Amino acid sequence: MADEGRIPEAQPPAGGQGPAQQGQPQQIQVPVDLSSLASGYVNWFRFTGSAEELIVDLGLAPQLGQMPPTEPIKLTHRMVMSYYTAKRLLQNLHRAVSIYEGHYGPVEVDPNRRLRQQPGMQRPAGT
């Protein structure tokens, strides 16, 4: 919950001029243990859940875009979270994609439309 890409505003110390008064937010370092971290590439997901939690299965589709797939999709990760955590994740994913699109242009999720765009071809602004 604390490590969500947000930089909280610092509270100024009593009687002194703190970073918030100087217009500079203070960055708070959150300790993170990476000893059990597992990384993997995923290009496929599905959502299931109940009234209390959301389940996100992540995996690798060897033939992405081919329907029906001739090889099974290998599930590699399952995330189970509350809907409160899911909403915070959604907000932060939206922010990350917006920043990316601000730098590199729109991300087209439709593969057919993506294929029609020629490499090196400039996209009109706002599309």
C-alpha atoms as a PDB file:
ATOM      1  CA  MET A   1       0.000   0.000   0.000  1.00  0.00           C
ATOM      2  CA  ALA A   2       2.841   2.414   0.833  1.00  0.00           C
ATOM      3  CA  ASP A   3       4.851   1.631  -2.314  1.00  0.00           C
ATOM      4  CA  GLU A   4       2.418   2.812  -4.985  1.00  0.00           C
ATOM      5  CA  GLY A   5       4.505   5.351  -6.816  1.00  0.00           C
ATOM      6  CA  ARG A   6       3.204   8.246  -4.765  1.00  0.00           C
ATOM      7  CA  ILE A   7       5.417  10.783  -3.058  1.00  0.00           C
ATOM      8  CA  PRO A   8       3.582  12.026   0.033  1.00  0.00           C
ATOM      9  CA  GLU A   9       3.909  15.633   1.104  1.00  0.00           C
ATOM     10  CA  ALA A  10       6.062  15.976   4.180  1.00  0.00           C
ATOM     11  CA  GLN A  11       4.703  17.673   7.286  1.00  0.00           C
ATOM     12  CA  PRO A  12       6.876  20.577   8.444  1.00  0.00           C
ATOM     13  CA  PRO A  13       8.539  20.182  11.822  1.00  0.00           C
ATOM     14  CA  ALA A  14       6.975  22.210  14.629  1.00  0.00           C
ATOM     15  CA  GLY A  15       8.403  25.725  14.866  1.00  0.00           C
ATOM     16  CA  GLY A  16      10.579  25.475  11.768  1.00  0.00           C
ATOM     17  CA  GLN A  17      10.400  25.867   8.056  1.00  0.00           C
ATOM     18  CA  GLY A  18       9.962  22.430   6.500  1.00  0.00           C
ATOM     19  CA  PRO A  19      10.131  21.249   2.884  1.00  0.00           C
ATOM     20  CA  ALA A  20       6.380  21.750   2.374  1.00  0.00           C
ATOM     21  CA  GLN A  21       6.752  25.439   3.270  1.00  0.00           C
ATOM     22  CA  GLN A  22       9.665  25.787   0.829  1.00  0.00           C
ATOM     23  CA  GLY A  23       7.603  24.238  -1.982  1.00  0.00           C
ATOM     24  CA  GLN A  24       9.700  21.071  -2.146  1.00  0.00           C
ATOM     25  CA  PRO A  25       7.940  17.754  -1.389  1.00  0.00           C
ATOM     26  CA  GLN A  26      10.019  15.366   0.681  1.00  0.00           C
ATOM     27  CA  GLN A  27      10.594  11.922  -0.745  1.00  0.00           C
ATOM     28  CA  ILE A  28      10.001   9.125   1.726  1.00  0.00           C
ATOM     29  CA  GLN A  29      12.096   6.007   1.295  1.00  0.00           C
ATOM     30  CA  VAL A  30      10.081   2.820   1.829  1.00  0.00           C
ATOM     31  CA  PRO A  31      12.179  -0.281   2.545  1.00  0.00           C
ATOM     32  CA  VAL A  32      11.483  -3.069   0.045  1.00  0.00           C
ATOM     33  CA  ASP A  33      12.715  -6.681   0.368  1.00  0.00           C
ATOM     34  CA  LEU A  34      13.514  -8.057  -3.109  1.00  0.00           C
ATOM     35  CA  SER A  35      14.871 -11.425  -1.919  1.00  0.00           C
ATOM     36  CA  SER A  36      11.729 -13.344  -2.973  1.00  0.00           C
ATOM     37  CA  LEU A  37      10.966 -11.341  -6.108  1.00  0.00           C
ATOM     38  CA  ALA A  38      10.190 -13.403  -9.198  1.00  0.00           C
ATOM     39  CA  SER A  39      10.059 -11.708 -12.595  1.00  0.00           C
ATOM     40  CA  GLY A  40       8.447 -12.919 -15.746  1.00  0.00           C
ATOM     41  CA  TYR A  41       7.027 -11.664 -19.018  1.00  0.00           C
ATOM     42  CA  VAL A  42       3.266 -11.888 -19.550  1.00  0.00           C
ATOM     43  CA  ASN A  43       1.167 -11.045 -22.580  1.00  0.00           C
ATOM     44  CA  TRP A  44      -2.152 -12.548 -21.475  1.00  0.00           C
ATOM     45  CA  PHE A  45      -4.437 -12.083 -18.459  1.00  0.00           C
ATOM     46  CA  ARG A  46      -7.864 -12.981 -17.140  1.00  0.00           C
ATOM     47  CA  PHE A  47      -9.927 -11.704 -14.243  1.00  0.00           C
ATOM     48  CA  THR A  48     -12.147 -13.672 -11.872  1.00  0.00           C
ATOM     49  CA  GLY A  49     -13.234 -12.908  -8.360  1.00  0.00           C
ATOM     50  CA  SER A  50     -15.824 -12.747  -5.662  1.00  0.00           C
ATOM     51  CA  ALA A  51     -17.509 -10.014  -3.657  1.00  0.00           C
ATOM     52  CA  GLU A  52     -14.399  -9.687  -1.457  1.00  0.00           C
ATOM     53  CA  GLU A  53     -11.430 -10.097  -3.801  1.00  0.00           C
ATOM     54  CA  LEU A  54     -10.222  -9.895  -7.377  1.00  0.00           C
ATOM     55  CA  ILE A  55      -8.114 -12.675  -8.886  1.00  0.00           C
ATOM     56  CA  VAL A  56      -5.829 -11.845 -11.799  1.00  0.00           C
ATOM     57  CA  ASP A  57      -4.181 -14.737 -13.649  1.00  0.00           C
ATOM     58  CA  LEU A  58      -1.193 -13.791 -15.804  1.00  0.00           C
ATOM     59  CA  GLY A  59       0.515 -15.909 -18.408  1.00  0.00           C
ATOM     60  CA  LEU A  60       2.220 -16.315 -21.723  1.00  0.00           C
ATOM     61  CA  ALA A  61       0.259 -16.902 -24.907  1.00  0.00           C
ATOM     62  CA  PRO A  62       2.800 -18.335 -27.375  1.00  0.00           C
ATOM     63  CA  GLN A  63       0.580 -17.431 -30.346  1.00  0.00           C
ATOM     64  CA  LEU A  64      -0.892 -14.126 -29.237  1.00  0.00           C
ATOM     65  CA  GLY A  65      -3.682 -13.019 -31.529  1.00  0.00           C
ATOM     66  CA  GLN A  66      -4.311 -16.440 -33.060  1.00  0.00           C
ATOM     67  CA  MET A  67      -7.830 -17.563 -32.206  1.00  0.00           C
ATOM     68  CA  PRO A  68      -8.379 -20.241 -31.222  1.00  0.00           C
ATOM     69  CA  PRO A  69      -4.826 -20.841 -29.987  1.00  0.00           C
ATOM     70  CA  THR A  70      -3.292 -24.162 -30.975  1.00  0.00           C
ATOM     71  CA  GLU A  71      -1.032 -24.215 -27.891  1.00  0.00           C
ATOM     72  CA  PRO A  72      -2.269 -23.770 -24.313  1.00  0.00           C
ATOM     73  CA  ILE A  73      -1.631 -20.493 -22.529  1.00  0.00           C
ATOM     74  CA  LYS A  74       0.841 -21.109 -19.732  1.00  0.00           C
ATOM     75  CA  LEU A  75      -0.263 -19.358 -16.545  1.00  0.00           C
ATOM     76  CA  THR A  76       2.739 -18.152 -14.569  1.00  0.00           C
ATOM     77  CA  HIS A  77       1.394 -15.802 -11.885  1.00  0.00           C
ATOM     78  CA  ARG A  78      -1.803 -15.326  -9.892  1.00  0.00           C
ATOM     79  CA  MET A  79      -2.469 -12.121  -7.976  1.00  0.00           C
ATOM     80  CA  VAL A  80      -5.264 -12.025  -5.406  1.00  0.00           C
ATOM     81  CA  MET A  81      -6.184  -8.613  -4.052  1.00  0.00           C
ATOM     82  CA  SER A  82      -9.000  -6.649  -2.500  1.00  0.00           C
ATOM     83  CA  TYR A  83     -11.007  -4.358  -4.744  1.00  0.00           C
ATOM     84  CA  TYR A  84      -9.512  -1.410  -2.826  1.00  0.00           C
ATOM     85  CA  THR A  85      -6.014  -2.502  -3.853  1.00  0.00           C
ATOM     86  CA  ALA A  86      -7.262  -3.229  -7.389  1.00  0.00           C
ATOM     87  CA  LYS A  87      -8.600   0.314  -7.691  1.00  0.00           C
ATOM     88  CA  ARG A  88      -5.315   1.826  -6.501  1.00  0.00           C
ATOM     89  CA  LEU A  89      -3.473  -0.419  -8.982  1.00  0.00           C
ATOM     90  CA  LEU A  90      -5.835   0.723 -11.761  1.00  0.00           C
ATOM     91  CA  GLN A  91      -5.202   4.387 -10.941  1.00  0.00           C
ATOM     92  CA  ASN A  92      -1.433   3.903 -10.936  1.00  0.00           C
ATOM     93  CA  LEU A  93      -1.460   1.856 -14.160  1.00  0.00           C
ATOM     94  CA  HIS A  94      -3.534   4.590 -15.811  1.00  0.00           C
ATOM     95  CA  ARG A  95      -1.040   7.202 -14.639  1.00  0.00           C
ATOM     96  CA  ALA A  96       1.926   5.155 -15.914  1.00  0.00           C
ATOM     97  CA  VAL A  97       0.351   4.611 -19.354  1.00  0.00           C
ATOM     98  CA  SER A  98      -0.599   8.315 -19.579  1.00  0.00           C
ATOM     99  CA  ILE A  99       3.002   9.308 -18.874  1.00  0.00           C
ATOM    100  CA  TYR A 100       4.235   6.814 -21.491  1.00  0.00           C
ATOM    101  CA  GLU A 101       1.759   8.118 -24.087  1.00  0.00           C
ATOM    102  CA  GLY A 102       2.805  11.684 -23.282  1.00  0.00           C
ATOM    103  CA  HIS A 103       6.378  10.781 -24.210  1.00  0.00           C
ATOM    104  CA  TYR A 104       5.889   8.315 -27.073  1.00  0.00           C
ATOM    105  CA  GLY A 105       2.361   8.774 -28.412  1.00  0.00           C
ATOM    106  CA  PRO A 106      -0.810   6.711 -28.103  1.00  0.00           C
ATOM    107  CA  VAL A 107      -0.654   2.999 -27.342  1.00  0.00           C
ATOM    108  CA  GLU A 108      -2.883   1.184 -29.842  1.00  0.00           C
ATOM    109  CA  VAL A 109      -4.304  -2.019 -28.345  1.00  0.00           C
ATOM    110  CA  ASP A 110      -6.077  -3.183 -31.519  1.00  0.00           C
ATOM    111  CA  PRO A 111      -3.500  -5.291 -33.413  1.00  0.00           C
ATOM    112  CA  ASN A 112      -5.232  -4.685 -36.768  1.00  0.00           C
ATOM    113  CA  ARG A 113      -4.985  -0.918 -36.382  1.00  0.00           C
ATOM    114  CA  ARG A 114      -1.418  -1.253 -35.090  1.00  0.00           C
ATOM    115  CA  LEU A 115      -0.393  -3.188 -38.227  1.00  0.00           C
ATOM    116  CA  ARG A 116      -1.821  -0.479 -40.502  1.00  0.00           C
ATOM    117  CA  GLN A 117       0.529   2.105 -38.998  1.00  0.00           C
ATOM    118  CA  GLN A 118       3.792   2.169 -40.913  1.00  0.00           C
ATOM    119  CA  PRO A 119       7.043   2.352 -38.914  1.00  0.00           C
ATOM    120  CA  GLY A 120       8.399   5.870 -38.941  1.00  0.00           C
ATOM    121  CA  MET A 121       5.032   7.275 -39.981  1.00  0.00           C
ATOM    122  CA  GLN A 122       3.979  10.213 -37.850  1.00  0.00           C
ATOM    123  CA  ARG A 123       0.700   9.866 -36.027  1.00  0.00           C
ATOM    124  CA  PRO A 124      -1.576  12.897 -35.958  1.00  0.00           C
ATOM    125  CA  ALA A 125      -1.657  14.605 -32.583  1.00  0.00           C
ATOM    126  CA  GLY A 126      -4.544  13.561 -30.361  1.00  0.00           C
ATOM    127  CA  THR A 127      -5.226  10.197 -32.024  1.00  0.00           C
END
